[in-house]
Amino acid sequence: MGNGGARFKELCLDTDGDGEAVGRFWAAATGCEYTRSGPDDPGDVVGSEEGMGIAICRVPEPMTVKNRVHLDLHTASIEDLEALGATVAPEQDDDDPWTVMLDPEGNVLCGFVREPERMPAYRVYELAVDAADPEAIGRWWADVFGVELRHKDGTTWWWLEDVPGMPFDAWVFGAVPEPKTVKNRMHWDVYGDVADFEARGATRLWEMPRWTVLADPEGNEFCAFPFPEQ
């Protein structure tokens, strides 16, 4: 798998609610649409490309710890995100060019204020992942997708660009001191071969009818789907 071969499919977000409030928030915040088939369906955030989607997944467990996976968003103003239902997190670093916020269920996101001419229709800027060793796990995913691992000297984060199927600018891995203790509230789905992922060091967690749930070497859950038939 050193030559890549995997492809990004979509994001998934857990909810212990009915899914509608958080789904509608993320649809509006990202410039997408929210759809559901009925009251028993938590729904989906749907964009103009498959990779823009966020599948809302109902789970029994509530959110108990800070998200280790979150999204950075382009926004015209922090007030715009607040009007959609987000709240500004109590702890901020004045030196950061972003504002840490919480969605209606407490999931972390970061708002990056842009000038109107820089505001894209699809407003996800980056996918950010906390890591014990961001260089190692970034390199693992770079190898999986066949892209370059990027880094700026003097920083504690590494990132990927031009991932096949990924519609946002970058996938960032940043160093944090705390270990992963529970299942990630947000995860990603990819197209790829399960045996190839396992050969690279992924762990198979369980099987579903249409996909396989795996964990990368840092324990981040992801779902592997077979490539669709052409």
C-alpha atoms as a PDB file:
ATOM      1  CA  MET A   1       0.000   0.000   0.000  1.00  0.00           C
ATOM      2  CA  GLY A   2       3.047   2.213  -0.141  1.00  0.00           C
ATOM      3  CA  ASN A   3       1.885   3.566  -3.521  1.00  0.00           C
ATOM      4  CA  GLY A   4      -1.443   4.618  -2.077  1.00  0.00           C
ATOM      5  CA  GLY A   5      -4.648   3.343  -3.583  1.00  0.00           C
ATOM      6  CA  ALA A   6      -7.191   4.376  -0.952  1.00  0.00           C
ATOM      7  CA  ARG A   7      -9.739   7.127  -1.518  1.00  0.00           C
ATOM      8  CA  PHE A   8     -11.568   9.382   0.944  1.00  0.00           C
ATOM      9  CA  LYS A   9     -15.335   8.727   0.992  1.00  0.00           C
ATOM     10  CA  GLU A  10     -17.054  10.864   3.656  1.00  0.00           C
ATOM     11  CA  LEU A  11     -17.182  11.867   7.312  1.00  0.00           C
ATOM     12  CA  CYS A  12     -19.408  10.406  10.018  1.00  0.00           C
ATOM     13  CA  LEU A  13     -20.611  12.042  13.238  1.00  0.00           C
ATOM     14  CA  ASP A  14     -22.093  10.206  16.217  1.00  0.00           C
ATOM     15  CA  THR A  15     -25.144  11.509  18.059  1.00  0.00           C
ATOM     16  CA  ASP A  16     -27.077  10.192  21.034  1.00  0.00           C
ATOM     17  CA  GLY A  17     -30.024  12.398  20.039  1.00  0.00           C
ATOM     18  CA  ASP A  18     -32.408  12.122  17.119  1.00  0.00           C
ATOM     19  CA  GLY A  19     -29.822  13.624  14.767  1.00  0.00           C
ATOM     20  CA  GLU A  20     -31.916  16.405  13.290  1.00  0.00           C
ATOM     21  CA  ALA A  21     -30.581  19.379  15.268  1.00  0.00           C
ATOM     22  CA  VAL A  22     -26.929  18.486  14.845  1.00  0.00           C
ATOM     23  CA  GLY A  23     -27.469  17.446  11.230  1.00  0.00           C
ATOM     24  CA  ARG A  24     -29.178  20.701  10.300  1.00  0.00           C
ATOM     25  CA  PHE A  25     -26.442  22.677  12.040  1.00  0.00           C
ATOM     26  CA  TRP A  26     -23.650  20.961  10.126  1.00  0.00           C
ATOM     27  CA  ALA A  27     -25.508  21.208   6.829  1.00  0.00           C
ATOM     28  CA  ALA A  28     -25.912  24.961   7.232  1.00  0.00           C
ATOM     29  CA  ALA A  29     -22.396  25.486   8.614  1.00  0.00           C
ATOM     30  CA  THR A  30     -20.746  23.618   5.735  1.00  0.00           C
ATOM     31  CA  GLY A  31     -22.900  24.912   2.883  1.00  0.00           C
ATOM     32  CA  CYS A  32     -24.599  21.569   2.315  1.00  0.00           C
ATOM     33  CA  GLU A  33     -28.111  20.144   2.757  1.00  0.00           C
ATOM     34  CA  TYR A  34     -29.670  17.944   5.431  1.00  0.00           C
ATOM     35  CA  THR A  35     -31.832  14.995   4.430  1.00  0.00           C
ATOM     36  CA  ARG A  36     -33.614  12.277   6.375  1.00  0.00           C
ATOM     37  CA  SER A  37     -36.120   9.616   5.392  1.00  0.00           C
ATOM     38  CA  GLY A  38     -38.237   9.889   8.545  1.00  0.00           C
ATOM     39  CA  PRO A  39     -38.211  10.421  12.322  1.00  0.00           C
ATOM     40  CA  ASP A  40     -36.283   7.199  12.931  1.00  0.00           C
ATOM     41  CA  ASP A  41     -33.515   8.226  10.533  1.00  0.00           C
ATOM     42  CA  PRO A  42     -30.789  10.468  12.061  1.00  0.00           C
ATOM     43  CA  GLY A  43     -30.179  11.810   8.569  1.00  0.00           C
ATOM     44  CA  ASP A  44     -27.238  12.839   6.432  1.00  0.00           C
ATOM     45  CA  VAL A  45     -25.453  16.016   5.455  1.00  0.00           C
ATOM     46  CA  VAL A  46     -25.241  15.933   1.656  1.00  0.00           C
ATOM     47  CA  GLY A  47     -23.080  18.074  -0.613  1.00  0.00           C
ATOM     48  CA  SER A  48     -22.514  18.327  -4.333  1.00  0.00           C
ATOM     49  CA  GLU A  49     -19.690  15.740  -4.065  1.00  0.00           C
ATOM     50  CA  GLU A  50     -19.686  12.486  -2.109  1.00  0.00           C
ATOM     51  CA  GLY A  51     -16.703  13.550  -0.003  1.00  0.00           C
ATOM     52  CA  MET A  52     -18.645  16.539   1.342  1.00  0.00           C
ATOM     53  CA  GLY A  53     -21.107  14.257   3.102  1.00  0.00           C
ATOM     54  CA  ILE A  54     -21.423  13.750   6.852  1.00  0.00           C
ATOM     55  CA  ALA A  55     -23.355  10.633   7.826  1.00  0.00           C
ATOM     56  CA  ILE A  56     -25.133  11.206  11.152  1.00  0.00           C
ATOM     57  CA  CYS A  57     -24.875   7.992  13.184  1.00  0.00           C
ATOM     58  CA  ARG A  58     -27.087   7.337  16.206  1.00  0.00           C
ATOM     59  CA  VAL A  59     -25.227   5.786  19.166  1.00  0.00           C
ATOM     60  CA  PRO A  60     -26.310   5.002  22.748  1.00  0.00           C
ATOM     61  CA  GLU A  61     -23.380   6.645  24.525  1.00  0.00           C
ATOM     62  CA  PRO A  62     -23.265  10.393  25.249  1.00  0.00           C
ATOM     63  CA  MET A  63     -20.279  12.587  24.545  1.00  0.00           C
ATOM     64  CA  THR A  64     -17.932  12.496  27.568  1.00  0.00           C
ATOM     65  CA  VAL A  65     -14.531  13.842  26.454  1.00  0.00           C
ATOM     66  CA  LYS A  66     -13.163  16.508  24.111  1.00  0.00           C
ATOM     67  CA  ASN A  67     -13.262  15.552  20.456  1.00  0.00           C
ATOM     68  CA  ARG A  68      -9.985  14.190  19.097  1.00  0.00           C
ATOM     69  CA  VAL A  69     -11.317  14.717  15.570  1.00  0.00           C
ATOM     70  CA  HIS A  70     -12.922  18.017  14.578  1.00  0.00           C
ATOM     71  CA  LEU A  71     -13.560  20.264  11.598  1.00  0.00           C
ATOM     72  CA  ASP A  72     -12.195  23.726  10.870  1.00  0.00           C
ATOM     73  CA  LEU A  73     -14.688  25.897   9.000  1.00  0.00           C
ATOM     74  CA  HIS A  74     -14.552  28.978   6.804  1.00  0.00           C
ATOM     75  CA  THR A  75     -17.073  31.517   8.093  1.00  0.00           C
ATOM     76  CA  ALA A  76     -17.991  35.117   7.345  1.00  0.00           C
ATOM     77  CA  SER A  77     -18.237  35.771  11.087  1.00  0.00           C
ATOM     78  CA  ILE A  78     -18.342  33.960  14.402  1.00  0.00           C
ATOM     79  CA  GLU A  79     -21.797  35.437  14.884  1.00  0.00           C
ATOM     80  CA  ASP A  80     -22.989  33.549  11.794  1.00  0.00           C
ATOM     81  CA  LEU A  81     -22.038  30.228  13.404  1.00  0.00           C
ATOM     82  CA  GLU A  82     -23.647  31.300  16.681  1.00  0.00           C
ATOM     83  CA  ALA A  83     -26.867  32.094  14.813  1.00  0.00           C
ATOM     84  CA  LEU A  84     -26.878  28.519  13.514  1.00  0.00           C
ATOM     85  CA  GLY A  85     -26.605  27.120  17.053  1.00  0.00           C
ATOM     86  CA  ALA A  86     -22.887  27.022  17.863  1.00  0.00           C
ATOM     87  CA  THR A  87     -21.456  28.496  21.054  1.00  0.00           C
ATOM     88  CA  VAL A  88     -18.023  29.970  21.701  1.00  0.00           C
ATOM     89  CA  ALA A  89     -15.935  27.680  23.924  1.00  0.00           C
ATOM     90  CA  PRO A  90     -14.932  29.235  27.261  1.00  0.00           C
ATOM     91  CA  GLU A  91     -11.193  28.735  26.754  1.00  0.00           C
ATOM     92  CA  GLN A  92      -9.505  30.578  23.880  1.00  0.00           C
ATOM     93  CA  ASP A  93      -5.942  31.473  22.913  1.00  0.00           C
ATOM     94  CA  ASP A  94      -5.837  35.085  21.760  1.00  0.00           C
ATOM     95  CA  ASP A  95      -2.829  34.313  19.567  1.00  0.00           C
ATOM     96  CA  ASP A  96      -4.728  31.776  17.458  1.00  0.00           C
ATOM     97  CA  PRO A  97      -6.260  32.912  14.141  1.00  0.00           C
ATOM     98  CA  TRP A  98      -9.380  30.849  14.867  1.00  0.00           C
ATOM     99  CA  THR A  99     -12.178  30.652  17.423  1.00  0.00           C
ATOM    100  CA  VAL A 100     -12.897  27.369  19.197  1.00  0.00           C
ATOM    101  CA  MET A 101     -16.616  26.646  19.224  1.00  0.00           C
ATOM    102  CA  LEU A 102     -19.069  23.891  20.125  1.00  0.00           C
ATOM    103  CA  ASP A 103     -21.911  22.593  17.983  1.00  0.00           C
ATOM    104  CA  PRO A 104     -25.422  22.039  19.466  1.00  0.00           C
ATOM    105  CA  GLU A 105     -24.290  18.715  21.000  1.00  0.00           C
ATOM    106  CA  GLY A 106     -20.934  19.959  22.303  1.00  0.00           C
ATOM    107  CA  ASN A 107     -18.713  18.773  19.458  1.00  0.00           C
ATOM    108  CA  VAL A 108     -15.666  20.969  18.916  1.00  0.00           C
ATOM    109  CA  LEU A 109     -15.183  22.995  15.748  1.00  0.00           C
ATOM    110  CA  CYS A 110     -12.961  25.945  14.873  1.00  0.00           C
ATOM    111  CA  GLY A 111     -14.185  28.985  12.972  1.00  0.00           C
ATOM    112  CA  PHE A 112     -11.808  30.841  10.638  1.00  0.00           C
ATOM    113  CA  VAL A 113     -13.221  34.225   9.656  1.00  0.00           C
ATOM    114  CA  ARG A 114     -12.763  35.014   5.946  1.00  0.00           C
ATOM    115  CA  GLU A 115     -13.338  38.055   3.793  1.00  0.00           C
ATOM    116  CA  PRO A 116     -16.434  37.683   1.588  1.00  0.00           C
ATOM    117  CA  GLU A 117     -14.368  37.161  -1.567  1.00  0.00           C
ATOM    118  CA  ARG A 118     -12.552  34.230   0.089  1.00  0.00           C
ATOM    119  CA  MET A 119     -15.703  32.422   1.227  1.00  0.00           C
ATOM    120  CA  PRO A 120     -16.214  29.210  -0.770  1.00  0.00           C
ATOM    121  CA  ALA A 121     -19.636  27.645  -1.208  1.00  0.00           C
ATOM    122  CA  TYR A 122     -18.408  24.514   0.603  1.00  0.00           C
ATOM    123  CA  ARG A 123     -17.096  25.767   3.913  1.00  0.00           C
ATOM    124  CA  VAL A 124     -15.075  22.920   5.430  1.00  0.00           C
ATOM    125  CA  TYR A 125     -11.465  24.106   5.560  1.00  0.00           C
ATOM    126  CA  GLU A 126      -9.637  21.247   7.306  1.00  0.00           C
ATOM    127  CA  LEU A 127     -10.111  17.955   9.108  1.00  0.00           C
ATOM    128  CA  ALA A 128      -8.066  18.060  12.334  1.00  0.00           C
ATOM    129  CA  VAL A 129      -6.980  14.973  14.289  1.00  0.00           C
ATOM    130  CA  ASP A 130      -5.327  14.946  17.727  1.00  0.00           C
ATOM    131  CA  ALA A 131      -2.350  12.592  17.913  1.00  0.00           C
ATOM    132  CA  ALA A 132       0.269  11.241  20.287  1.00  0.00           C
ATOM    133  CA  ASP A 133       2.769  11.136  17.403  1.00  0.00           C
ATOM    134  CA  PRO A 134       1.396  13.322  14.606  1.00  0.00           C
ATOM    135  CA  GLU A 135       4.354  12.749  12.305  1.00  0.00           C
ATOM    136  CA  ALA A 136       4.058   8.958  12.484  1.00  0.00           C
ATOM    137  CA  ILE A 137       0.297   8.770  12.051  1.00  0.00           C
ATOM    138  CA  GLY A 138       0.390  11.466   9.380  1.00  0.00           C
ATOM    139  CA  ARG A 139       2.987   9.462   7.484  1.00  0.00           C
ATOM    140  CA  TRP A 140       0.845   6.337   7.827  1.00  0.00           C
ATOM    141  CA  TRP A 141      -2.140   8.036   6.212  1.00  0.00           C
ATOM    142  CA  ALA A 142       0.030   9.745   3.605  1.00  0.00           C
ATOM    143  CA  ASP A 143       1.276   6.321   2.573  1.00  0.00           C
ATOM    144  CA  VAL A 144      -2.269   4.932   2.526  1.00  0.00           C
ATOM    145  CA  PHE A 145      -3.405   7.650   0.112  1.00  0.00           C
ATOM    146  CA  GLY A 146      -0.164   7.992  -1.827  1.00  0.00           C
ATOM    147  CA  VAL A 147       0.349  11.677  -1.011  1.00  0.00           C
ATOM    148  CA  GLU A 148       3.122  13.773   0.541  1.00  0.00           C
ATOM    149  CA  LEU A 149       3.279  14.420   4.288  1.00  0.00           C
ATOM    150  CA  ARG A 150       3.793  18.147   4.844  1.00  0.00           C
ATOM    151  CA  HIS A 151       5.283  19.978   7.822  1.00  0.00           C
ATOM    152  CA  LYS A 152       6.351  23.491   8.779  1.00  0.00           C
ATOM    153  CA  ASP A 153       9.497  23.732  10.889  1.00  0.00           C
ATOM    154  CA  GLY A 154       8.876  24.788  14.451  1.00  0.00           C
ATOM    155  CA  THR A 155       5.288  23.507  14.577  1.00  0.00           C
ATOM    156  CA  THR A 156       3.758  20.428  16.184  1.00  0.00           C
ATOM    157  CA  TRP A 157       1.442  19.519  13.341  1.00  0.00           C
ATOM    158  CA  TRP A 158       1.767  17.672  10.049  1.00  0.00           C
ATOM    159  CA  TRP A 159      -0.777  17.653   7.248  1.00  0.00           C
ATOM    160  CA  LEU A 160      -1.927  16.081   3.986  1.00  0.00           C
ATOM    161  CA  GLU A 161      -3.178  17.821   0.867  1.00  0.00           C
ATOM    162  CA  ASP A 162      -4.642  16.506  -2.399  1.00  0.00           C
ATOM    163  CA  VAL A 163      -5.967  13.305  -0.836  1.00  0.00           C
ATOM    164  CA  PRO A 164      -8.020  11.476  -3.494  1.00  0.00           C
ATOM    165  CA  GLY A 165     -11.706  12.212  -2.942  1.00  0.00           C
ATOM    166  CA  MET A 166     -11.084  14.777  -0.166  1.00  0.00           C
ATOM    167  CA  PRO A 167     -12.940  18.039  -0.939  1.00  0.00           C
ATOM    168  CA  PHE A 168     -11.372  20.270   1.748  1.00  0.00           C
ATOM    169  CA  ASP A 169      -7.936  21.907   1.834  1.00  0.00           C
ATOM    170  CA  ALA A 170      -6.035  19.781   4.330  1.00  0.00           C
ATOM    171  CA  TRP A 171      -6.065  16.881   6.782  1.00  0.00           C
ATOM    172  CA  VAL A 172      -4.090  17.949   9.850  1.00  0.00           C
ATOM    173  CA  PHE A 173      -2.542  15.848  12.625  1.00  0.00           C
ATOM    174  CA  GLY A 174      -1.612  17.821  15.741  1.00  0.00           C
ATOM    175  CA  ALA A 175       0.209  16.813  18.917  1.00  0.00           C
ATOM    176  CA  VAL A 176      -1.744  16.614  22.184  1.00  0.00           C
ATOM    177  CA  PRO A 177      -0.603  15.298  25.585  1.00  0.00           C
ATOM    178  CA  GLU A 178      -3.718  13.334  26.510  1.00  0.00           C
ATOM    179  CA  PRO A 179      -4.192   9.748  25.253  1.00  0.00           C
ATOM    180  CA  LYS A 180      -7.203   8.452  23.345  1.00  0.00           C
ATOM    181  CA  THR A 181      -9.592   6.780  25.816  1.00  0.00           C
ATOM    182  CA  VAL A 182     -12.950   6.368  24.028  1.00  0.00           C
ATOM    183  CA  LYS A 183     -14.294   5.912  20.511  1.00  0.00           C
ATOM    184  CA  ASN A 184     -13.981   9.050  18.406  1.00  0.00           C
ATOM    185  CA  ARG A 185     -17.224  10.984  18.038  1.00  0.00           C
ATOM    186  CA  MET A 186     -16.286  11.824  14.442  1.00  0.00           C
ATOM    187  CA  HIS A 187     -14.613   9.395  12.057  1.00  0.00           C
ATOM    188  CA  TRP A 188     -14.027   9.028   8.334  1.00  0.00           C
ATOM    189  CA  ASP A 189     -14.938   6.466   5.704  1.00  0.00           C
ATOM    190  CA  VAL A 190     -12.590   5.466   2.905  1.00  0.00           C
ATOM    191  CA  TYR A 191     -12.591   3.265  -0.159  1.00  0.00           C
ATOM    192  CA  GLY A 192      -9.846   0.662  -0.056  1.00  0.00           C
ATOM    193  CA  ASP A 193      -8.857  -2.956   0.462  1.00  0.00           C
ATOM    194  CA  VAL A 194      -9.178  -4.240   4.043  1.00  0.00           C
ATOM    195  CA  ALA A 195      -6.256  -6.640   3.664  1.00  0.00           C
ATOM    196  CA  ASP A 196      -4.052  -3.757   2.515  1.00  0.00           C
ATOM    197  CA  PHE A 197      -5.021  -1.659   5.529  1.00  0.00           C
ATOM    198  CA  GLU A 198      -4.268  -4.560   7.858  1.00  0.00           C
ATOM    199  CA  ALA A 199      -0.914  -5.187   6.170  1.00  0.00           C
ATOM    200  CA  ARG A 200      -0.014  -1.567   6.932  1.00  0.00           C
ATOM    201  CA  GLY A 201      -0.867  -1.992  10.620  1.00  0.00           C
ATOM    202  CA  ALA A 202      -4.585  -1.250  10.907  1.00  0.00           C
ATOM    203  CA  THR A 203      -6.658  -3.329  13.327  1.00  0.00           C
ATOM    204  CA  ARG A 204      -9.952  -4.913  12.284  1.00  0.00           C
ATOM    205  CA  LEU A 205     -12.611  -4.047  14.894  1.00  0.00           C
ATOM    206  CA  TRP A 206     -15.805  -5.521  13.468  1.00  0.00           C
ATOM    207  CA  GLU A 207     -17.672  -6.312  10.259  1.00  0.00           C
ATOM    208  CA  MET A 208     -20.795  -4.692   8.903  1.00  0.00           C
ATOM    209  CA  PRO A 209     -22.791  -5.889   5.885  1.00  0.00           C
ATOM    210  CA  ARG A 210     -21.350  -3.263   3.492  1.00  0.00           C
ATOM    211  CA  TRP A 211     -18.144  -2.147   5.225  1.00  0.00           C
ATOM    212  CA  THR A 212     -15.438  -3.092   7.712  1.00  0.00           C
ATOM    213  CA  VAL A 213     -14.660  -1.038  10.817  1.00  0.00           C
ATOM    214  CA  LEU A 214     -10.918  -0.639  11.391  1.00  0.00           C
ATOM    215  CA  ALA A 215      -8.592   1.396  13.604  1.00  0.00           C
ATOM    216  CA  ASP A 216      -5.370   3.056  12.495  1.00  0.00           C
ATOM    217  CA  PRO A 217      -2.140   2.644  14.540  1.00  0.00           C
ATOM    218  CA  GLU A 218      -3.258   5.379  16.975  1.00  0.00           C
ATOM    219  CA  GLY A 219      -6.677   3.783  17.442  1.00  0.00           C
ATOM    220  CA  ASN A 220      -8.671   6.185  15.260  1.00  0.00           C
ATOM    221  CA  GLU A 221     -11.694   4.356  13.939  1.00  0.00           C
ATOM    222  CA  PHE A 222     -12.438   4.409  10.216  1.00  0.00           C
ATOM    223  CA  CYS A 223     -14.683   2.409   7.918  1.00  0.00           C
ATOM    224  CA  ALA A 224     -13.366   0.751   4.773  1.00  0.00           C
ATOM    225  CA  PHE A 225     -15.717   0.278   1.830  1.00  0.00           C
ATOM    226  CA  PRO A 226     -14.953  -1.658  -1.340  1.00  0.00           C
ATOM    227  CA  PHE A 227     -14.541   0.573  -4.363  1.00  0.00           C
ATOM    228  CA  PRO A 228     -17.847   0.907  -6.239  1.00  0.00           C
ATOM    229  CA  GLU A 229     -18.075  -1.028  -9.453  1.00  0.00           C
ATOM    230  CA  GLN A 230     -17.493   1.135 -12.498  1.00  0.00           C
END
